[in-house]
C-alpha atoms as a PDB file:
ATOM      1  CA  MET A   1     -40.087 -53.172 -12.367  1.00  0.00           C
ATOM      2  CA  LYS A   2     -37.328 -50.716 -13.330  1.00  0.00           C
ATOM      3  CA  CYS A   3     -34.405 -50.830 -15.728  1.00  0.00           C
ATOM      4  CA  SER A   4     -31.181 -51.227 -13.758  1.00  0.00           C
ATOM      5  CA  ILE A   5     -29.358 -48.882 -16.151  1.00  0.00           C
ATOM      6  CA  CYS A   6     -31.678 -45.954 -16.883  1.00  0.00           C
ATOM      7  CA  GLU A   7     -34.334 -46.653 -14.201  1.00  0.00           C
ATOM      8  CA  ALA A   8     -37.145 -46.513 -16.767  1.00  0.00           C
ATOM      9  CA  ILE A   9     -40.338 -48.344 -15.849  1.00  0.00           C
ATOM     10  CA  ILE A  10     -40.624 -51.753 -17.553  1.00  0.00           C
ATOM     11  CA  ASN A  11     -44.064 -53.259 -18.070  1.00  0.00           C
ATOM     12  CA  ASP A  12     -44.630 -57.007 -17.962  1.00  0.00           C
ATOM     13  CA  ASP A  13     -45.114 -57.320 -21.730  1.00  0.00           C
ATOM     14  CA  ASP A  14     -42.187 -55.047 -22.679  1.00  0.00           C
ATOM     15  CA  THR A  15     -39.048 -56.425 -24.292  1.00  0.00           C
ATOM     16  CA  LYS A  16     -36.424 -56.798 -21.566  1.00  0.00           C
ATOM     17  CA  LEU A  17     -33.370 -58.746 -20.471  1.00  0.00           C
ATOM     18  CA  THR A  18     -33.176 -60.381 -17.058  1.00  0.00           C
ATOM     19  CA  CYS A  19     -29.798 -61.088 -15.511  1.00  0.00           C
ATOM     20  CA  THR A  20     -29.491 -64.828 -14.835  1.00  0.00           C
ATOM     21  CA  ASN A  21     -27.112 -64.269 -11.942  1.00  0.00           C
ATOM     22  CA  LYS A  22     -29.308 -65.142  -8.957  1.00  0.00           C
ATOM     23  CA  ALA A  23     -27.362 -62.676  -6.850  1.00  0.00           C
ATOM     24  CA  CYS A  24     -28.486 -59.896  -9.169  1.00  0.00           C
ATOM     25  CA  SER A  25     -31.575 -60.640 -11.351  1.00  0.00           C
ATOM     26  CA  ALA A  26     -31.550 -57.037 -12.620  1.00  0.00           C
ATOM     27  CA  PHE A  27     -33.729 -55.975 -15.559  1.00  0.00           C
ATOM     28  CA  THR A  28     -32.616 -54.084 -18.672  1.00  0.00           C
ATOM     29  CA  CYS A  29     -35.177 -52.179 -20.750  1.00  0.00           C
ATOM     30  CA  ASN A  30     -35.603 -52.295 -24.525  1.00  0.00           C
ATOM     31  CA  ALA A  31     -34.015 -48.872 -25.082  1.00  0.00           C
ATOM     32  CA  CYS A  32     -30.865 -49.889 -23.208  1.00  0.00           C
ATOM     33  CA  ILE A  33     -30.835 -53.255 -24.992  1.00  0.00           C
ATOM     34  CA  ASN A  34     -30.848 -51.481 -28.353  1.00  0.00           C
ATOM     35  CA  LEU A  35     -27.995 -49.261 -27.203  1.00  0.00           C
ATOM     36  CA  MET A  36     -26.048 -52.361 -26.146  1.00  0.00           C
ATOM     37  CA  PHE A  37     -26.727 -53.976 -29.533  1.00  0.00           C
ATOM     38  CA  LYS A  38     -25.552 -50.849 -31.346  1.00  0.00           C
ATOM     39  CA  THR A  39     -22.351 -50.799 -29.314  1.00  0.00           C
ATOM     40  CA  MET A  40     -21.794 -54.514 -29.850  1.00  0.00           C
ATOM     41  CA  PHE A  41     -22.325 -54.316 -33.609  1.00  0.00           C
ATOM     42  CA  GLY A  42     -19.966 -51.345 -33.759  1.00  0.00           C
ATOM     43  CA  GLN A  43     -17.119 -53.141 -31.993  1.00  0.00           C
ATOM     44  CA  PRO A  44     -17.934 -56.806 -31.281  1.00  0.00           C
ATOM     45  CA  ALA A  45     -14.380 -57.673 -30.284  1.00  0.00           C
ATOM     46  CA  LEU A  46     -14.649 -55.274 -27.348  1.00  0.00           C
ATOM     47  CA  ASN A  47     -18.331 -55.543 -26.467  1.00  0.00           C
ATOM     48  CA  TYR A  48     -19.222 -59.214 -26.770  1.00  0.00           C
ATOM     49  CA  PRO A  49     -20.526 -61.010 -24.796  1.00  0.00           C
ATOM     50  CA  LEU A  50     -23.170 -58.625 -23.512  1.00  0.00           C
ATOM     51  CA  LEU A  51     -22.889 -58.108 -19.762  1.00  0.00           C
ATOM     52  CA  CYS A  52     -25.364 -57.080 -17.097  1.00  0.00           C
ATOM     53  CA  GLY A  53     -24.869 -53.418 -16.212  1.00  0.00           C
ATOM     54  CA  VAL A  54     -25.170 -54.181 -12.495  1.00  0.00           C
ATOM     55  CA  CYS A  55     -23.020 -57.257 -11.862  1.00  0.00           C
ATOM     56  CA  GLN A  56     -21.126 -57.658 -15.179  1.00  0.00           C
ATOM     57  CA  TYR A  57     -22.513 -61.207 -15.513  1.00  0.00           C
ATOM     58  CA  GLU A  58     -23.025 -62.529 -19.044  1.00  0.00           C
ATOM     59  CA  PHE A  59     -26.606 -62.328 -20.270  1.00  0.00           C
ATOM     60  CA  ASP A  60     -28.275 -65.590 -21.244  1.00  0.00           C
ATOM     61  CA  ILE A  61     -27.582 -66.153 -24.947  1.00  0.00           C
ATOM     62  CA  ILE A  62     -31.081 -67.607 -25.422  1.00  0.00           C
ATOM     63  CA  GLN A  63     -32.650 -64.349 -24.242  1.00  0.00           C
ATOM     64  CA  ILE A  64     -30.311 -62.424 -26.543  1.00  0.00           C
ATOM     65  CA  ASP A  65     -31.175 -64.638 -29.521  1.00  0.00           C
ATOM     66  CA  GLN A  66     -34.912 -64.228 -28.980  1.00  0.00           C
ATOM     67  CA  ILE A  67     -34.675 -60.441 -28.939  1.00  0.00           C
ATOM     68  CA  LEU A  68     -32.347 -60.374 -31.960  1.00  0.00           C
ATOM     69  CA  VAL A  69     -34.750 -62.534 -33.962  1.00  0.00           C
ATOM     70  CA  LYS A  70     -37.705 -60.397 -32.893  1.00  0.00           C
ATOM     71  CA  GLN A  71     -35.899 -57.215 -33.954  1.00  0.00           C
ATOM     72  CA  GLU A  72     -34.561 -58.819 -37.167  1.00  0.00           C
ATOM     73  CA  HIS A  73     -30.924 -58.317 -36.167  1.00  0.00           C
ATOM     74  CA  TYR A  74     -29.968 -61.978 -35.954  1.00  0.00           C
ATOM     75  CA  GLU A  75     -28.118 -62.205 -39.281  1.00  0.00           C
ATOM     76  CA  GLN A  76     -26.106 -59.112 -38.391  1.00  0.00           C
ATOM     77  CA  PHE A  77     -25.341 -60.664 -35.014  1.00  0.00           C
ATOM     78  CA  ILE A  78     -24.085 -63.900 -36.564  1.00  0.00           C
ATOM     79  CA  ALA A  79     -21.912 -62.016 -39.050  1.00  0.00           C
ATOM     80  CA  CYS A  80     -20.324 -59.986 -36.249  1.00  0.00           C
ATOM     81  CA  VAL A  81     -19.931 -62.596 -33.559  1.00  0.00           C
ATOM     82  CA  LEU A  82     -19.096 -65.878 -35.283  1.00  0.00           C
ATOM     83  CA  PRO A  83     -15.528 -64.822 -36.182  1.00  0.00           C
ATOM     84  CA  LEU A  84     -14.869 -64.095 -32.514  1.00  0.00           C
ATOM     85  CA  PHE A  85     -15.460 -67.676 -31.426  1.00  0.00           C
ATOM     86  CA  TRP A  86     -12.782 -69.258 -33.575  1.00  0.00           C
ATOM     87  CA  LEU A  87     -10.396 -66.297 -33.458  1.00  0.00           C
ATOM     88  CA  LYS A  88     -10.281 -66.166 -29.661  1.00  0.00           C
ATOM     89  CA  ASP A  89      -9.239 -69.808 -29.564  1.00  0.00           C
ATOM     90  CA  CYS A  90      -6.235 -68.856 -31.700  1.00  0.00           C
ATOM     91  CA  LEU A  91      -5.064 -65.896 -29.617  1.00  0.00           C
ATOM     92  CA  ASN A  92      -1.830 -65.949 -27.651  1.00  0.00           C
ATOM     93  CA  GLU A  93      -1.481 -64.062 -24.366  1.00  0.00           C
ATOM     94  CA  ASN A  94       0.143 -61.076 -26.079  1.00  0.00           C
ATOM     95  CA  GLU A  95      -2.501 -60.810 -28.792  1.00  0.00           C
ATOM     96  CA  LYS A  96      -5.892 -59.154 -29.065  1.00  0.00           C
ATOM     97  CA  LEU A  97      -8.574 -58.681 -31.672  1.00  0.00           C
ATOM     98  CA  ALA A  98      -9.080 -55.466 -33.605  1.00  0.00           C
ATOM     99  CA  GLN A  99     -12.305 -55.130 -35.552  1.00  0.00           C
ATOM    100  CA  CYS A 100     -13.553 -52.703 -38.131  1.00  0.00           C
ATOM    101  CA  PRO A 101     -16.398 -50.618 -36.624  1.00  0.00           C
ATOM    102  CA  PHE A 102     -18.284 -50.791 -39.933  1.00  0.00           C
ATOM    103  CA  CYS A 103     -18.180 -54.480 -40.850  1.00  0.00           C
ATOM    104  CA  SER A 104     -17.271 -57.893 -39.467  1.00  0.00           C
ATOM    105  CA  TYR A 105     -13.611 -57.796 -40.566  1.00  0.00           C
ATOM    106  CA  VAL A 106     -11.248 -58.724 -37.708  1.00  0.00           C
ATOM    107  CA  GLU A 107      -7.466 -58.787 -37.349  1.00  0.00           C
ATOM    108  CA  ILE A 108      -5.156 -60.118 -34.662  1.00  0.00           C
ATOM    109  CA  HIS A 109      -2.653 -57.625 -33.274  1.00  0.00           C
ATOM    110  CA  THR A 110       0.083 -58.097 -30.703  1.00  0.00           C
ATOM    111  CA  THR A 111      -0.147 -56.079 -27.511  1.00  0.00           C
ATOM    112  CA  ASP A 112       3.656 -55.853 -27.408  1.00  0.00           C
ATOM    113  CA  ALA A 113       3.587 -53.402 -30.291  1.00  0.00           C
ATOM    114  CA  CYS A 114       2.528 -49.766 -30.160  1.00  0.00           C
ATOM    115  CA  PRO A 115      -1.125 -49.197 -29.177  1.00  0.00           C
ATOM    116  CA  LEU A 116      -3.470 -49.624 -32.119  1.00  0.00           C
ATOM    117  CA  TYR A 117      -5.570 -46.486 -32.418  1.00  0.00           C
ATOM    118  CA  PHE A 118      -6.309 -46.474 -36.158  1.00  0.00           C
ATOM    119  CA  PHE A 119      -7.454 -49.332 -38.316  1.00  0.00           C
ATOM    120  CA  THR A 120      -7.691 -49.859 -42.064  1.00  0.00           C
ATOM    121  CA  CYS A 121     -10.239 -52.507 -42.980  1.00  0.00           C
ATOM    122  CA  GLN A 122      -9.049 -55.036 -45.552  1.00  0.00           C
ATOM    123  CA  HIS A 123     -12.512 -56.308 -46.411  1.00  0.00           C
ATOM    124  CA  PRO A 124     -13.026 -55.759 -50.175  1.00  0.00           C
ATOM    125  CA  SER A 125     -16.518 -54.331 -49.713  1.00  0.00           C
ATOM    126  CA  CYS A 126     -15.496 -51.962 -46.913  1.00  0.00           C
ATOM    127  CA  GLY A 127     -11.921 -50.679 -46.900  1.00  0.00           C
ATOM    128  CA  LYS A 128     -12.667 -47.887 -44.431  1.00  0.00           C
ATOM    129  CA  ARG A 129     -10.042 -46.396 -42.181  1.00  0.00           C
ATOM    130  CA  SER A 130     -11.352 -45.724 -38.706  1.00  0.00           C
ATOM    131  CA  CYS A 131     -10.445 -44.490 -35.257  1.00  0.00           C
ATOM    132  CA  LEU A 132     -10.725 -47.362 -32.782  1.00  0.00           C
ATOM    133  CA  ILE A 133     -11.195 -44.957 -29.879  1.00  0.00           C
ATOM    134  CA  CYS A 134     -14.283 -43.063 -31.045  1.00  0.00           C
ATOM    135  CA  LEU A 135     -15.224 -45.655 -33.725  1.00  0.00           C
ATOM    136  CA  HIS A 136     -15.682 -42.977 -36.397  1.00  0.00           C
ATOM    137  CA  ALA A 137     -14.480 -43.173 -39.981  1.00  0.00           C
ATOM    138  CA  ILE A 138     -11.303 -41.341 -40.979  1.00  0.00           C
ATOM    139  CA  GLN A 139     -12.031 -39.240 -44.052  1.00  0.00           C
ATOM    140  CA  ASP A 140      -8.546 -38.032 -44.986  1.00  0.00           C
ATOM    141  CA  ASP A 141      -5.101 -37.218 -43.578  1.00  0.00           C
ATOM    142  CA  ASN A 142      -6.330 -33.990 -42.047  1.00  0.00           C
ATOM    143  CA  ASP A 143      -9.181 -35.815 -40.353  1.00  0.00           C
ATOM    144  CA  GLU A 144      -6.763 -38.412 -38.989  1.00  0.00           C
ATOM    145  CA  SER A 145      -4.577 -35.646 -37.631  1.00  0.00           C
ATOM    146  CA  ILE A 146      -7.580 -34.282 -35.741  1.00  0.00           C
ATOM    147  CA  HIS A 147      -8.328 -37.715 -34.310  1.00  0.00           C
ATOM    148  CA  ARG A 148      -4.692 -38.151 -33.296  1.00  0.00           C
ATOM    149  CA  SER A 149      -4.693 -34.911 -31.366  1.00  0.00           C
ATOM    150  CA  LYS A 150      -8.133 -35.355 -29.811  1.00  0.00           C
ATOM    151  CA  CYS A 151      -9.023 -39.024 -29.411  1.00  0.00           C
ATOM    152  CA  ILE A 152      -5.610 -40.230 -28.308  1.00  0.00           C
ATOM    153  CA  GLU A 153      -5.466 -37.436 -25.742  1.00  0.00           C
ATOM    154  CA  LEU A 154      -8.876 -38.432 -24.383  1.00  0.00           C
ATOM    155  CA  HIS A 155      -8.265 -42.175 -24.522  1.00  0.00           C
ATOM    156  CA  SER A 156      -6.820 -42.560 -21.022  1.00  0.00           C
ATOM    157  CA  TYR A 157      -9.594 -40.394 -19.563  1.00  0.00           C
ATOM    158  CA  LYS A 158     -12.175 -42.528 -21.335  1.00  0.00           C
ATOM    159  CA  GLU A 159     -10.660 -45.622 -19.737  1.00  0.00           C
ATOM    160  CA  MET A 160     -10.899 -43.955 -16.316  1.00  0.00           C
ATOM    161  CA  ILE A 161     -14.632 -43.428 -16.782  1.00  0.00           C
ATOM    162  CA  GLU A 162     -15.135 -46.974 -18.041  1.00  0.00           C
ATOM    163  CA  LYS A 163     -13.257 -48.305 -15.014  1.00  0.00           C
ATOM    164  CA  ALA A 164     -15.358 -46.197 -12.638  1.00  0.00           C
ATOM    165  CA  ILE A 165     -18.573 -47.538 -14.148  1.00  0.00           C
ATOM    166  CA  GLU A 166     -17.313 -51.117 -14.011  1.00  0.00           C
ATOM    167  CA  THR A 167     -16.034 -51.053 -10.428  1.00  0.00           C
ATOM    168  CA  GLY A 168     -18.975 -49.036  -9.145  1.00  0.00           C
ATOM    169  CA  SER A 169     -21.263 -52.000  -9.714  1.00  0.00           C
ATOM    170  CA  GLN A 170     -19.087 -54.237  -7.551  1.00  0.00           C
ATOM    171  CA  GLN A 171     -17.519 -54.210  -4.118  1.00  0.00           C
ATOM    172  CA  GLN A 172     -14.005 -55.587  -3.711  1.00  0.00           C
ATOM    173  CA  CYS A 173     -12.449 -57.558  -0.897  1.00  0.00           C
ATOM    174  CA  PRO A 174     -10.300 -55.037   1.028  1.00  0.00           C
ATOM    175  CA  HIS A 175      -7.456 -57.568   1.250  1.00  0.00           C
ATOM    176  CA  CYS A 176      -7.111 -59.306  -2.125  1.00  0.00           C
ATOM    177  CA  GLN A 177      -9.400 -57.053  -4.236  1.00  0.00           C
ATOM    178  CA  LEU A 178     -11.527 -59.934  -5.506  1.00  0.00           C
ATOM    179  CA  ALA A 179     -14.823 -58.414  -6.630  1.00  0.00           C
ATOM    180  CA  GLY A 180     -17.805 -59.764  -4.742  1.00  0.00           C
ATOM    181  CA  LEU A 181     -21.542 -59.424  -5.219  1.00  0.00           C
ATOM    182  CA  LYS A 182     -24.055 -60.381  -2.564  1.00  0.00           C
ATOM    183  CA  ASP A 183     -26.803 -62.847  -3.415  1.00  0.00           C
ATOM    184  CA  ASP A 184     -29.068 -61.096  -0.931  1.00  0.00           C
ATOM    185  CA  GLY A 185     -29.178 -57.919   1.109  1.00  0.00           C
ATOM    186  CA  CYS A 186     -26.935 -59.182   3.913  1.00  0.00           C
ATOM    187  CA  THR A 187     -23.820 -57.050   4.295  1.00  0.00           C
ATOM    188  CA  HIS A 188     -21.613 -59.813   5.731  1.00  0.00           C
ATOM    189  CA  MET A 189     -19.020 -61.056   3.247  1.00  0.00           C
ATOM    190  CA  ILE A 190     -16.467 -63.874   3.313  1.00  0.00           C
ATOM    191  CA  CYS A 191     -13.994 -63.647   0.454  1.00  0.00           C
ATOM    192  CA  GLU A 192     -13.902 -66.777  -1.688  1.00  0.00           C
ATOM    193  CA  ARG A 193     -10.225 -66.222  -2.458  1.00  0.00           C
ATOM    194  CA  CYS A 194      -8.562 -65.232   0.819  1.00  0.00           C
ATOM    195  CA  GLY A 195     -11.277 -66.038   3.382  1.00  0.00           C
ATOM    196  CA  LEU A 196     -11.393 -62.512   4.825  1.00  0.00           C
ATOM    197  CA  SER A 197     -14.568 -61.407   6.588  1.00  0.00           C
ATOM    198  CA  TRP A 198     -15.625 -57.904   5.615  1.00  0.00           C
ATOM    199  CA  CYS A 199     -18.611 -55.582   5.349  1.00  0.00           C
ATOM    200  CA  TYR A 200     -20.141 -55.155   1.902  1.00  0.00           C
ATOM    201  CA  LEU A 201     -21.625 -51.742   2.697  1.00  0.00           C
ATOM    202  CA  CYS A 202     -18.610 -49.877   4.091  1.00  0.00           C
ATOM    203  CA  GLY A 203     -16.008 -52.168   2.509  1.00  0.00           C
ATOM    204  CA  MET A 204     -13.966 -52.528   5.711  1.00  0.00           C
ATOM    205  CA  LYS A 205     -12.281 -55.612   7.137  1.00  0.00           C
ATOM    206  CA  GLU A 206     -14.036 -57.186  10.106  1.00  0.00           C
ATOM    207  CA  GLU A 207     -11.186 -56.321  12.489  1.00  0.00           C
ATOM    208  CA  GLU A 208     -11.262 -52.683  11.355  1.00  0.00           C
ATOM    209  CA  CYS A 209     -15.029 -52.132  11.480  1.00  0.00           C
ATOM    210  CA  LEU A 210     -16.394 -49.544  13.893  1.00  0.00           C
ATOM    211  CA  VAL A 211     -17.632 -51.106  17.164  1.00  0.00           C
ATOM    212  CA  ASP A 212     -17.826 -50.088  20.833  1.00  0.00           C
ATOM    213  CA  ASP A 213     -14.440 -49.602  22.516  1.00  0.00           C
ATOM    214  CA  ASP A 214     -14.827 -52.541  24.900  1.00  0.00           C
ATOM    215  CA  VAL A 215     -16.149 -54.985  22.287  1.00  0.00           C
ATOM    216  CA  GLU A 216     -14.210 -57.395  20.109  1.00  0.00           C
ATOM    217  CA  PRO A 217     -14.515 -56.246  16.479  1.00  0.00           C
ATOM    218  CA  THR A 218     -16.909 -58.551  14.666  1.00  0.00           C
ATOM    219  CA  LEU A 219     -19.370 -57.895  11.872  1.00  0.00           C
ATOM    220  CA  SER A 220     -22.264 -58.546  14.244  1.00  0.00           C
ATOM    221  CA  ALA A 221     -20.882 -56.000  16.714  1.00  0.00           C
ATOM    222  CA  HIS A 222     -20.432 -53.599  13.801  1.00  0.00           C
ATOM    223  CA  ASN A 223     -24.165 -53.936  13.099  1.00  0.00           C
ATOM    224  CA  GLU A 224     -25.201 -53.094  16.657  1.00  0.00           C
ATOM    225  CA  GLY A 225     -26.867 -49.693  16.898  1.00  0.00           C
ATOM    226  CA  TRP A 226     -26.115 -48.849  13.272  1.00  0.00           C
ATOM    227  CA  ASP A 227     -29.106 -46.510  13.089  1.00  0.00           C
ATOM    228  CA  GLN A 228     -27.698 -44.493  15.999  1.00  0.00           C
ATOM    229  CA  HIS A 229     -24.042 -44.432  14.956  1.00  0.00           C
ATOM    230  CA  GLU A 230     -22.901 -43.165  11.586  1.00  0.00           C
ATOM    231  CA  GLY A 231     -20.043 -45.346  10.409  1.00  0.00           C
ATOM    232  CA  ARG A 232     -21.701 -48.574  11.456  1.00  0.00           C
ATOM    233  CA  CYS A 233     -23.668 -50.679   9.004  1.00  0.00           C
ATOM    234  CA  PRO A 234     -26.860 -52.724   9.206  1.00  0.00           C
ATOM    235  CA  MET A 235     -26.745 -56.448   8.654  1.00  0.00           C
ATOM    236  CA  SER A 236     -29.558 -56.188   6.118  1.00  0.00           C
ATOM    237  CA  LEU A 237     -29.752 -53.502   3.444  1.00  0.00           C
ATOM    238  CA  VAL A 238     -33.550 -53.528   3.434  1.00  0.00           C
ATOM    239  CA  SER A 239     -33.584 -52.367   7.056  1.00  0.00           C
ATOM    240  CA  ILE A 240     -32.162 -49.006   5.942  1.00  0.00           C
ATOM    241  CA  HIS A 241     -35.593 -48.098   4.547  1.00  0.00           C
ATOM    242  CA  GLU A 242     -36.926 -47.828   8.097  1.00  0.00           C
ATOM    243  CA  LEU A 243     -34.491 -44.965   8.665  1.00  0.00           C
ATOM    244  CA  ASP A 244     -34.128 -43.567   5.146  1.00  0.00           C
ATOM    245  CA  GLU A 245     -37.157 -43.953   2.887  1.00  0.00           C
ATOM    246  CA  ARG A 246     -35.102 -43.320  -0.248  1.00  0.00           C
ATOM    247  CA  TRP A 247     -33.814 -46.870   0.070  1.00  0.00           C
ATOM    248  CA  PRO A 248     -35.929 -49.622  -1.548  1.00  0.00           C
ATOM    249  CA  GLN A 249     -37.637 -52.373   0.403  1.00  0.00           C
ATOM    250  CA  ASP A 250     -36.291 -55.491  -1.296  1.00  0.00           C
ATOM    251  CA  ASP A 251     -32.791 -56.931  -1.532  1.00  0.00           C
ATOM    252  CA  ARG A 252     -32.220 -56.669  -5.280  1.00  0.00           C
ATOM    253  CA  ASP A 253     -33.364 -53.057  -5.496  1.00  0.00           C
ATOM    254  CA  CYS A 254     -31.216 -52.191  -2.475  1.00  0.00           C
ATOM    255  CA  LEU A 255     -28.148 -53.614  -4.198  1.00  0.00           C
ATOM    256  CA  GLU A 256     -28.926 -51.604  -7.333  1.00  0.00           C
ATOM    257  CA  TYR A 257     -29.394 -48.457  -5.249  1.00  0.00           C
ATOM    258  CA  PHE A 258     -26.092 -49.024  -3.467  1.00  0.00           C
ATOM    259  CA  HIS A 259     -24.165 -49.767  -6.670  1.00  0.00           C
ATOM    260  CA  ARG A 260     -25.600 -46.690  -8.347  1.00  0.00           C
ATOM    261  CA  TYR A 261     -24.483 -44.567  -5.402  1.00  0.00           C
ATOM    262  CA  ARG A 262     -20.969 -46.054  -5.579  1.00  0.00           C
ATOM    263  CA  THR A 263     -20.746 -45.487  -9.321  1.00  0.00           C
ATOM    264  CA  LEU A 264     -21.847 -41.863  -9.039  1.00  0.00           C
ATOM    265  CA  CYS A 265     -19.202 -41.277  -6.368  1.00  0.00           C
ATOM    266  CA  GLN A 266     -16.476 -42.854  -8.484  1.00  0.00           C
ATOM    267  CA  LEU A 267     -17.518 -40.910 -11.566  1.00  0.00           C
ATOM    268  CA  TYR A 268     -17.398 -37.727  -9.499  1.00  0.00           C
ATOM    269  CA  ASP A 269     -13.845 -38.610  -8.446  1.00  0.00           C
ATOM    270  CA  VAL A 270     -12.890 -38.926 -12.120  1.00  0.00           C
ATOM    271  CA  LEU A 271     -14.571 -35.604 -12.877  1.00  0.00           C
ATOM    272  CA  LYS A 272     -12.540 -33.865 -10.167  1.00  0.00           C
ATOM    273  CA  ILE A 273      -9.300 -35.406 -11.447  1.00  0.00           C
ATOM    274  CA  ILE A 274      -9.710 -34.575 -15.128  1.00  0.00           C
ATOM    275  CA  SER A 275     -11.831 -31.365 -14.757  1.00  0.00           C
ATOM    276  CA  GLU A 276     -15.452 -30.751 -15.645  1.00  0.00           C
ATOM    277  CA  ASP A 277     -14.579 -29.345 -19.065  1.00  0.00           C
ATOM    278  CA  LYS A 278     -12.671 -32.493 -20.003  1.00  0.00           C
ATOM    279  CA  PHE A 279     -15.469 -34.645 -18.596  1.00  0.00           C
ATOM    280  CA  ASN A 280     -18.009 -32.858 -20.800  1.00  0.00           C
ATOM    281  CA  GLU A 281     -15.694 -33.143 -23.785  1.00  0.00           C
ATOM    282  CA  LEU A 282     -15.444 -36.897 -23.259  1.00  0.00           C
ATOM    283  CA  ASN A 283     -19.201 -37.230 -23.217  1.00  0.00           C
ATOM    284  CA  ASP A 284     -19.592 -35.000 -26.279  1.00  0.00           C
ATOM    285  CA  THR A 285     -16.990 -37.040 -28.161  1.00  0.00           C
ATOM    286  CA  PHE A 286     -17.859 -40.587 -27.102  1.00  0.00           C
ATOM    287  CA  GLY A 287     -21.316 -40.298 -25.515  1.00  0.00           C
ATOM    288  CA  ILE A 288     -19.911 -42.404 -22.705  1.00  0.00           C
ATOM    289  CA  ILE A 289     -21.952 -40.852 -19.883  1.00  0.00           C
ATOM    290  CA  ASP A 290     -25.193 -40.662 -21.845  1.00  0.00           C
ATOM    291  CA  ALA A 291     -24.860 -44.351 -22.718  1.00  0.00           C
ATOM    292  CA  SER A 292     -24.210 -45.371 -19.111  1.00  0.00           C
ATOM    293  CA  GLY A 293     -27.598 -44.368 -17.711  1.00  0.00           C
ATOM    294  CA  TYR A 294     -26.195 -41.518 -15.602  1.00  0.00           C
ATOM    295  CA  THR A 295     -26.289 -37.779 -16.166  1.00  0.00           C
ATOM    296  CA  ILE A 296     -23.515 -35.269 -15.700  1.00  0.00           C
ATOM    297  CA  ASN A 297     -25.738 -33.189 -13.423  1.00  0.00           C
ATOM    298  CA  GLU A 298     -26.328 -36.041 -10.988  1.00  0.00           C
ATOM    299  CA  ILE A 299     -22.623 -36.923 -11.059  1.00  0.00           C
ATOM    300  CA  LYS A 300     -21.765 -33.314 -10.169  1.00  0.00           C
ATOM    301  CA  ASP A 301     -24.345 -33.219  -7.362  1.00  0.00           C
ATOM    302  CA  TYR A 302     -21.841 -34.491  -4.808  1.00  0.00           C
ATOM    303  CA  ASP A 303     -22.757 -32.215  -1.903  1.00  0.00           C
ATOM    304  CA  SER A 304     -26.294 -33.579  -1.649  1.00  0.00           C
ATOM    305  CA  ARG A 305     -25.250 -37.215  -2.175  1.00  0.00           C
ATOM    306  CA  VAL A 306     -25.688 -39.123   1.080  1.00  0.00           C
ATOM    307  CA  LEU A 307     -25.642 -42.900   1.330  1.00  0.00           C
ATOM    308  CA  ILE A 308     -27.805 -43.077   4.467  1.00  0.00           C
ATOM    309  CA  ASP A 309     -29.777 -40.034   5.566  1.00  0.00           C
ATOM    310  CA  TYR A 310     -29.877 -39.871   9.365  1.00  0.00           C
ATOM    311  CA  SER A 311     -31.843 -36.613   9.410  1.00  0.00           C
ATOM    312  CA  SER A 312     -35.175 -38.418   9.763  1.00  0.00           C
ATOM    313  CA  LYS A 313     -33.901 -39.957  12.992  1.00  0.00           C
ATOM    314  CA  ASP A 314     -32.913 -36.534  14.277  1.00  0.00           C
ATOM    315  CA  SER A 315     -36.285 -35.019  13.353  1.00  0.00           C
ATOM    316  CA  ASP A 316     -38.155 -37.843  15.104  1.00  0.00           C
ATOM    317  CA  GLU A 317     -36.171 -37.171  18.242  1.00  0.00           C
END
C-alpha cells in the first residue's frame, strides 16, 4: 500500500491512518501523520479535526487517539483540543478562534474587525507575540515590521495554494459546485443537491459531454469509443490502465491518481498567476508545498503532464 500524500510505501505493521470514508479508504503514512500532528499542535483552531488528504473526510478519532498514545502525545493533544470543543459552541457567526502557536491559549475574535495577523498570548507561562500567518514568534518591533511586509503580502498567495490543494482532491458539480467524491471508479455522477448528471472525469454536464453528432448526449454515449476519441471518458477509471499503464488497476488508487493530477494542474495555475519566484518564496517561508506531498519540480512539469496517454494506442496501430 502507498501513502496517499507522499506516495511512500506503507508496510502492514507500520503506523498509519486509514480514511473511514468508504468512497476513499486512503492510507496516510507515519511521516505524514507526524507532520499533521505538528501542524495541529501549532495551530489547533485551524487544523483540527485532522482530515484525509484525499477526500477531506475527518479521520476516525479512535485511530488518532491510538497513535497519539503510542507516540506519547496524548496529553499535548488534550491540552490543545479540549478548549476547542466548548469554545466552538460559544461562537457566533461573525466570530472565529485565534490560538497561540506555542501553547493552548485561545481567544475569540470577530471577523467583522480588521484581519488578525499578529497575536499576543495572554497565558502567564507563555506571553509570546506571534505571526498567525507563518506561526513564528515575533522577537521585537523590527521583527514584526519584517513580518508585516513579508507575511501579509504572501498571505493571499498562501490561501490560493491551500485552495488549490483542497479543491484538487475533489470534483465539483458543474451546476451548483457541490463537491462530490465517487465511492468507486465509475465516472457517472448525479449531484445530491441539484440532481444534475455529469461526468466525474471531465467534469462536464451530461448534455454538454462529447458524443457522436447524431446521438442524444448521455453519459453512456459519452463513454462510447472513449479509447479512440480524446475528449470522451470511460465509464470505469480502472479501464484506462488497458490504454495507459501509468493508471492503477483498482478504483481507490485510480481516484488518488486522478486527484493528484488535478491538484498538480491547479497548483501549476497558481504558479503561473503569482510567478515562480513568488511560489518558491511561499514554500521557503511556509513550507506549504513540501508539507503537501508535492514537489515544485513536478508542479512545474506541465508540458509532460497528460491525464490519459493515447500514444500507446497509436504505436499499436
